Amino acid sequence: MSMAVTDAVSRVLSSALDGVSLRQSVIADNIANVDTPHFTASAVDFESALRSAVADGSMAAGQGGVAASRSAESTPVGANGNNVDLRKETLAGVQAQYQYQILSRAVSDRYERIHESLSGA
């Protein structure tokens, strides 16, 4: 997501939305390749980098967002060399959708409050 980020809270929300969006894309790729021989599923982690950036103050200092990391899953490999676990991916997809909805609502509420404060409502 590309929104104007001018403060630490906006940078955190933007980075989190970017991370969840990448996670959703990776999950969709994993599910699409559930029957592809020798396909290795991937996972996305951005929470640890975001947590560290918030803790060390780099988000507040305006140093931008955080990079999400994509890594190979360690799920056991099946007979065709594929390690996609459809149940795990489906659950992760539902969880990512909820995370995205919550973050989108937080962004919307934040801008609504800013708008209200500027308009004097």
N, C-alpha and C. Protein backbone atom coordinates (compact mmCIF):
# COMPACT_ATOMS: atom_id res chain seq x y z
N MET A 1 0.85 -1.18 0.00
CA MET A 1 0.00 0.00 0.00
C MET A 1 0.89 1.23 0.00
N SER A 2 0.53 2.19 -0.79
CA SER A 2 1.35 3.38 -0.90
C SER A 2 0.55 4.60 -0.44
N MET A 3 0.66 4.92 0.83
CA MET A 3 -0.02 6.09 1.33
C MET A 3 1.02 7.06 1.88
N ALA A 4 0.63 8.33 1.92
CA ALA A 4 1.54 9.33 2.45
C ALA A 4 1.74 9.06 3.94
N VAL A 5 2.96 8.75 4.30
CA VAL A 5 3.25 8.44 5.70
C VAL A 5 4.05 9.57 6.30
N THR A 6 3.45 10.23 7.27
CA THR A 6 4.09 11.40 7.84
C THR A 6 4.40 11.26 9.31
N ASP A 7 3.88 10.23 9.94
CA ASP A 7 4.13 10.06 11.37
C ASP A 7 4.36 8.58 11.66
N ALA A 8 4.80 8.28 12.85
CA ALA A 8 5.16 6.91 13.22
C ALA A 8 3.99 5.95 13.14
N VAL A 9 2.82 6.37 13.59
CA VAL A 9 1.67 5.47 13.57
C VAL A 9 1.31 5.13 12.12
N SER A 10 1.31 6.11 11.26
CA SER A 10 1.00 5.86 9.84
C SER A 10 2.04 4.94 9.21
N ARG A 11 3.31 5.12 9.57
CA ARG A 11 4.37 4.26 9.03
C ARG A 11 4.20 2.82 9.51
N VAL A 12 3.83 2.64 10.76
CA VAL A 12 3.61 1.30 11.31
C VAL A 12 2.43 0.64 10.59
N LEU A 13 1.33 1.36 10.46
CA LEU A 13 0.16 0.80 9.77
C LEU A 13 0.46 0.48 8.32
N SER A 14 1.17 1.36 7.64
CA SER A 14 1.52 1.13 6.25
C SER A 14 2.42 -0.10 6.09
N SER A 15 3.41 -0.22 6.95
CA SER A 15 4.31 -1.38 6.90
C SER A 15 3.57 -2.67 7.19
N ALA A 16 2.66 -2.63 8.16
CA ALA A 16 1.87 -3.82 8.49
C ALA A 16 0.97 -4.21 7.33
N LEU A 17 0.33 -3.24 6.69
CA LEU A 17 -0.51 -3.54 5.52
C LEU A 17 0.31 -4.13 4.38
N ASP A 18 1.50 -3.58 4.16
CA ASP A 18 2.37 -4.12 3.11
C ASP A 18 2.76 -5.57 3.43
N GLY A 19 3.08 -5.84 4.69
CA GLY A 19 3.47 -7.19 5.09
C GLY A 19 2.34 -8.19 4.94
N VAL A 20 1.15 -7.81 5.37
CA VAL A 20 0.00 -8.71 5.25
C VAL A 20 -0.36 -8.92 3.79
N SER A 21 -0.25 -7.88 2.99
CA SER A 21 -0.54 -8.00 1.56
C SER A 21 0.42 -8.98 0.88
N LEU A 22 1.70 -8.88 1.21
CA LEU A 22 2.68 -9.83 0.67
C LEU A 22 2.37 -11.24 1.14
N ARG A 23 2.00 -11.38 2.41
CA ARG A 23 1.65 -12.70 2.95
C ARG A 23 0.47 -13.30 2.17
N GLN A 24 -0.55 -12.49 1.90
CA GLN A 24 -1.69 -12.99 1.14
C GLN A 24 -1.27 -13.45 -0.25
N SER A 25 -0.38 -12.73 -0.88
CA SER A 25 0.11 -13.11 -2.21
C SER A 25 0.88 -14.42 -2.16
N VAL A 26 1.72 -14.59 -1.16
CA VAL A 26 2.51 -15.81 -1.01
C VAL A 26 1.60 -17.01 -0.71
N ILE A 27 0.61 -16.81 0.13
CA ILE A 27 -0.35 -17.88 0.43
C ILE A 27 -1.09 -18.30 -0.83
N ALA A 28 -1.53 -17.32 -1.61
CA ALA A 28 -2.23 -17.62 -2.87
C ALA A 28 -1.32 -18.41 -3.82
N ASP A 29 -0.04 -18.03 -3.87
CA ASP A 29 0.93 -18.75 -4.71
C ASP A 29 1.11 -20.18 -4.21
N ASN A 30 1.21 -20.35 -2.90
CA ASN A 30 1.34 -21.69 -2.34
C ASN A 30 0.14 -22.56 -2.69
N ILE A 31 -1.06 -22.02 -2.51
CA ILE A 31 -2.27 -22.79 -2.80
C ILE A 31 -2.37 -23.12 -4.28
N ALA A 32 -2.01 -22.16 -5.13
CA ALA A 32 -2.07 -22.40 -6.57
C ALA A 32 -1.12 -23.52 -7.00
N ASN A 33 -0.09 -23.76 -6.22
CA ASN A 33 0.91 -24.77 -6.57
C ASN A 33 0.81 -26.02 -5.71
N VAL A 34 -0.36 -26.26 -5.13
CA VAL A 34 -0.53 -27.40 -4.23
C VAL A 34 -0.21 -28.73 -4.90
N ASP A 35 -0.43 -28.84 -6.20
CA ASP A 35 -0.16 -30.10 -6.91
C ASP A 35 1.07 -30.04 -7.80
N THR A 36 1.85 -28.98 -7.73
CA THR A 36 3.04 -28.84 -8.56
C THR A 36 4.18 -29.66 -7.96
N PRO A 37 4.69 -30.63 -8.72
CA PRO A 37 5.79 -31.45 -8.19
C PRO A 37 7.00 -30.59 -7.82
N HIS A 38 7.59 -30.90 -6.71
CA HIS A 38 8.82 -30.28 -6.20
C HIS A 38 8.67 -28.79 -5.88
N PHE A 39 7.44 -28.32 -5.70
CA PHE A 39 7.23 -26.92 -5.30
C PHE A 39 7.47 -26.81 -3.80
N THR A 40 8.19 -25.77 -3.41
CA THR A 40 8.46 -25.51 -2.00
C THR A 40 7.64 -24.31 -1.56
N ALA A 41 6.78 -24.51 -0.57
CA ALA A 41 5.95 -23.44 -0.05
C ALA A 41 6.80 -22.39 0.66
N SER A 42 6.31 -21.16 0.64
CA SER A 42 7.00 -20.05 1.30
C SER A 42 6.12 -19.47 2.39
N ALA A 43 6.74 -18.73 3.28
CA ALA A 43 6.04 -18.02 4.34
C ALA A 43 6.62 -16.61 4.42
N VAL A 44 5.83 -15.69 4.97
CA VAL A 44 6.25 -14.30 5.09
C VAL A 44 6.27 -13.92 6.57
N ASP A 45 7.35 -13.25 6.98
CA ASP A 45 7.43 -12.71 8.33
C ASP A 45 7.76 -11.23 8.22
N PHE A 46 6.94 -10.41 8.79
CA PHE A 46 7.24 -8.99 8.89
C PHE A 46 7.06 -8.50 10.33
N GLU A 47 6.35 -9.29 11.13
CA GLU A 47 6.06 -8.87 12.50
C GLU A 47 7.31 -8.66 13.34
N SER A 48 8.28 -9.55 13.21
CA SER A 48 9.49 -9.41 14.05
C SER A 48 10.28 -8.16 13.65
N ALA A 49 10.38 -7.88 12.35
CA ALA A 49 11.09 -6.68 11.90
C ALA A 49 10.33 -5.42 12.32
N LEU A 50 9.02 -5.46 12.22
CA LEU A 50 8.20 -4.31 12.62
C LEU A 50 8.31 -4.08 14.12
N ARG A 51 8.24 -5.16 14.89
CA ARG A 51 8.37 -5.06 16.35
C ARG A 51 9.72 -4.44 16.72
N SER A 52 10.78 -4.88 16.06
CA SER A 52 12.12 -4.35 16.34
C SER A 52 12.23 -2.87 15.97
N ALA A 53 11.64 -2.51 14.82
CA ALA A 53 11.69 -1.11 14.37
C ALA A 53 10.94 -0.19 15.33
N VAL A 54 9.83 -0.66 15.85
CA VAL A 54 9.07 0.13 16.82
C VAL A 54 9.87 0.24 18.12
N ALA A 55 10.44 -0.89 18.56
CA ALA A 55 11.18 -0.91 19.83
C ALA A 55 12.43 -0.04 19.79
N ASP A 56 13.15 -0.04 18.66
CA ASP A 56 14.38 0.75 18.61
C ASP A 56 14.16 2.19 18.18
N GLY A 57 12.91 2.55 17.90
CA GLY A 57 12.58 3.94 17.59
C GLY A 57 12.77 4.35 16.15
N SER A 58 13.15 3.43 15.28
CA SER A 58 13.40 3.82 13.89
C SER A 58 12.11 4.21 13.17
N MET A 59 10.97 3.68 13.58
CA MET A 59 9.70 4.09 12.97
C MET A 59 9.36 5.52 13.39
N ALA A 60 9.60 5.84 14.63
CA ALA A 60 9.32 7.19 15.12
C ALA A 60 10.28 8.21 14.53
N ALA A 61 11.50 7.76 14.21
CA ALA A 61 12.50 8.66 13.66
C ALA A 61 12.30 8.93 12.18
N GLY A 62 11.29 8.30 11.60
CA GLY A 62 11.00 8.56 10.19
C GLY A 62 11.91 7.83 9.23
N GLN A 63 12.45 6.71 9.65
CA GLN A 63 13.37 5.98 8.79
C GLN A 63 12.65 5.03 7.84
N GLY A 64 11.35 5.21 7.67
CA GLY A 64 10.61 4.42 6.70
C GLY A 64 10.04 3.15 7.27
N GLY A 65 9.64 2.27 6.37
CA GLY A 65 9.01 1.02 6.75
C GLY A 65 10.02 -0.08 7.00
N VAL A 66 9.50 -1.26 7.11
CA VAL A 66 10.35 -2.43 7.32
C VAL A 66 10.17 -3.39 6.16
N ALA A 67 11.16 -4.19 5.93
CA ALA A 67 11.09 -5.17 4.85
C ALA A 67 10.58 -6.50 5.39
N ALA A 68 9.61 -7.03 4.69
CA ALA A 68 9.11 -8.36 5.03
C ALA A 68 10.08 -9.39 4.48
N SER A 69 10.25 -10.48 5.20
CA SER A 69 11.14 -11.54 4.71
C SER A 69 10.31 -12.73 4.25
N ARG A 70 10.71 -13.30 3.15
CA ARG A 70 10.04 -14.47 2.59
C ARG A 70 11.01 -15.63 2.72
N SER A 71 10.54 -16.73 3.30
CA SER A 71 11.41 -17.88 3.50
C SER A 71 10.69 -19.17 3.15
N ALA A 72 11.46 -20.20 2.87
CA ALA A 72 10.90 -21.50 2.54
C ALA A 72 10.29 -22.13 3.79
N GLU A 73 9.15 -22.78 3.61
CA GLU A 73 8.48 -23.48 4.71
C GLU A 73 9.23 -24.77 5.02
N SER A 74 9.18 -25.18 6.27
CA SER A 74 9.83 -26.42 6.67
C SER A 74 8.84 -27.58 6.81
N THR A 75 7.66 -27.42 6.22
CA THR A 75 6.64 -28.47 6.25
C THR A 75 7.21 -29.72 5.58
N PRO A 76 6.92 -30.91 6.11
CA PRO A 76 7.43 -32.14 5.49
C PRO A 76 7.01 -32.26 4.02
N VAL A 77 7.89 -32.80 3.24
CA VAL A 77 7.67 -32.96 1.79
C VAL A 77 6.88 -34.23 1.53
N GLY A 78 5.91 -34.11 0.60
CA GLY A 78 5.09 -35.26 0.22
C GLY A 78 5.77 -36.12 -0.83
N ALA A 79 5.04 -37.10 -1.34
CA ALA A 79 5.58 -38.07 -2.30
C ALA A 79 6.04 -37.41 -3.60
N ASN A 80 5.39 -36.30 -4.01
CA ASN A 80 5.77 -35.65 -5.25
C ASN A 80 6.80 -34.54 -5.04
N GLY A 81 7.35 -34.44 -3.85
CA GLY A 81 8.36 -33.44 -3.56
C GLY A 81 7.79 -32.07 -3.21
N ASN A 82 6.48 -31.98 -3.08
CA ASN A 82 5.78 -30.74 -2.77
C ASN A 82 5.50 -30.69 -1.27
N ASN A 83 5.66 -29.53 -0.66
CA ASN A 83 5.41 -29.45 0.78
C ASN A 83 4.28 -28.49 1.15
N VAL A 84 3.37 -28.19 0.21
CA VAL A 84 2.24 -27.33 0.52
C VAL A 84 1.21 -28.11 1.34
N ASP A 85 0.88 -27.58 2.50
CA ASP A 85 -0.17 -28.15 3.37
C ASP A 85 -1.41 -27.28 3.17
N LEU A 86 -2.36 -27.78 2.41
CA LEU A 86 -3.54 -27.00 2.05
C LEU A 86 -4.32 -26.52 3.27
N ARG A 87 -4.45 -27.35 4.28
CA ARG A 87 -5.16 -26.93 5.50
C ARG A 87 -4.46 -25.76 6.17
N LYS A 88 -3.14 -25.86 6.28
CA LYS A 88 -2.35 -24.79 6.90
C LYS A 88 -2.45 -23.50 6.10
N GLU A 89 -2.36 -23.60 4.79
CA GLU A 89 -2.42 -22.42 3.93
C GLU A 89 -3.80 -21.76 3.97
N THR A 90 -4.84 -22.58 4.00
CA THR A 90 -6.20 -22.05 4.06
C THR A 90 -6.42 -21.29 5.37
N LEU A 91 -5.99 -21.87 6.46
CA LEU A 91 -6.10 -21.20 7.75
C LEU A 91 -5.28 -19.91 7.78
N ALA A 92 -4.07 -19.96 7.24
CA ALA A 92 -3.23 -18.76 7.19
C ALA A 92 -3.87 -17.68 6.32
N GLY A 93 -4.53 -18.09 5.25
CA GLY A 93 -5.21 -17.14 4.37
C GLY A 93 -6.36 -16.44 5.08
N VAL A 94 -7.13 -17.18 5.84
CA VAL A 94 -8.24 -16.60 6.61
C VAL A 94 -7.68 -15.63 7.65
N GLN A 95 -6.64 -16.03 8.34
CA GLN A 95 -6.02 -15.18 9.35
C GLN A 95 -5.48 -13.89 8.72
N ALA A 96 -4.82 -14.01 7.57
CA ALA A 96 -4.28 -12.83 6.89
C ALA A 96 -5.40 -11.89 6.44
N GLN A 97 -6.52 -12.46 6.00
CA GLN A 97 -7.66 -11.63 5.60
C GLN A 97 -8.19 -10.84 6.78
N TYR A 98 -8.30 -11.47 7.94
CA TYR A 98 -8.75 -10.76 9.14
C TYR A 98 -7.75 -9.67 9.55
N GLN A 99 -6.47 -9.99 9.47
CA GLN A 99 -5.45 -8.99 9.80
C GLN A 99 -5.57 -7.79 8.87
N TYR A 100 -5.75 -8.04 7.59
CA TYR A 100 -5.86 -6.95 6.63
C TYR A 100 -7.09 -6.10 6.91
N GLN A 101 -8.20 -6.74 7.23
CA GLN A 101 -9.43 -6.01 7.54
C GLN A 101 -9.25 -5.12 8.77
N ILE A 102 -8.61 -5.65 9.79
CA ILE A 102 -8.39 -4.89 11.02
C ILE A 102 -7.47 -3.70 10.74
N LEU A 103 -6.39 -3.94 10.01
CA LEU A 103 -5.46 -2.86 9.70
C LEU A 103 -6.11 -1.80 8.81
N SER A 104 -6.90 -2.23 7.84
CA SER A 104 -7.60 -1.28 6.97
C SER A 104 -8.55 -0.42 7.78
N ARG A 105 -9.23 -1.04 8.72
CA ARG A 105 -10.15 -0.30 9.57
C ARG A 105 -9.38 0.70 10.45
N ALA A 106 -8.23 0.30 10.95
CA ALA A 106 -7.41 1.20 11.76
C ALA A 106 -6.97 2.42 10.95
N VAL A 107 -6.58 2.20 9.70
CA VAL A 107 -6.17 3.31 8.83
C VAL A 107 -7.36 4.23 8.58
N SER A 108 -8.50 3.63 8.26
CA SER A 108 -9.71 4.41 7.99
C SER A 108 -10.12 5.24 9.20
N ASP A 109 -10.13 4.60 10.37
CA ASP A 109 -10.49 5.31 11.60
C ASP A 109 -9.52 6.44 11.90
N ARG A 110 -8.25 6.18 11.66
CA ARG A 110 -7.22 7.20 11.92
C ARG A 110 -7.44 8.42 11.04
N TYR A 111 -7.66 8.21 9.76
CA TYR A 111 -7.86 9.35 8.86
C TYR A 111 -9.20 10.04 9.11
N GLU A 112 -10.18 9.30 9.56
CA GLU A 112 -11.45 9.91 9.92
C GLU A 112 -11.27 10.85 11.11
N ARG A 113 -10.51 10.41 12.09
CA ARG A 113 -10.25 11.27 13.26
C ARG A 113 -9.44 12.50 12.89
N ILE A 114 -8.47 12.32 12.00
CA ILE A 114 -7.67 13.48 11.55
C ILE A 114 -8.58 14.46 10.82
N HIS A 115 -9.43 13.95 9.96
CA HIS A 115 -10.35 14.79 9.21
C HIS A 115 -11.29 15.55 10.16
N GLU A 116 -11.81 14.84 11.16
CA GLU A 116 -12.70 15.47 12.14
C GLU A 116 -11.99 16.58 12.91
N SER A 117 -10.75 16.33 13.29
CA SER A 117 -10.02 17.33 14.07
C SER A 117 -9.70 18.56 13.22
N LEU A 118 -9.43 18.34 11.93
CA LEU A 118 -9.12 19.46 11.05
C LEU A 118 -10.37 20.26 10.68
N SER A 119 -11.50 19.57 10.59
CA SER A 119 -12.74 20.27 10.20
C SER A 119 -13.47 20.85 11.41
N GLY A 120 -13.03 20.51 12.60
CA GLY A 120 -13.65 21.02 13.82
C GLY A 120 -14.96 20.35 14.16
N ALA A 121 -15.17 19.16 13.63
CA ALA A 121 -16.46 18.45 13.88
C ALA A 121 -16.49 17.85 15.24
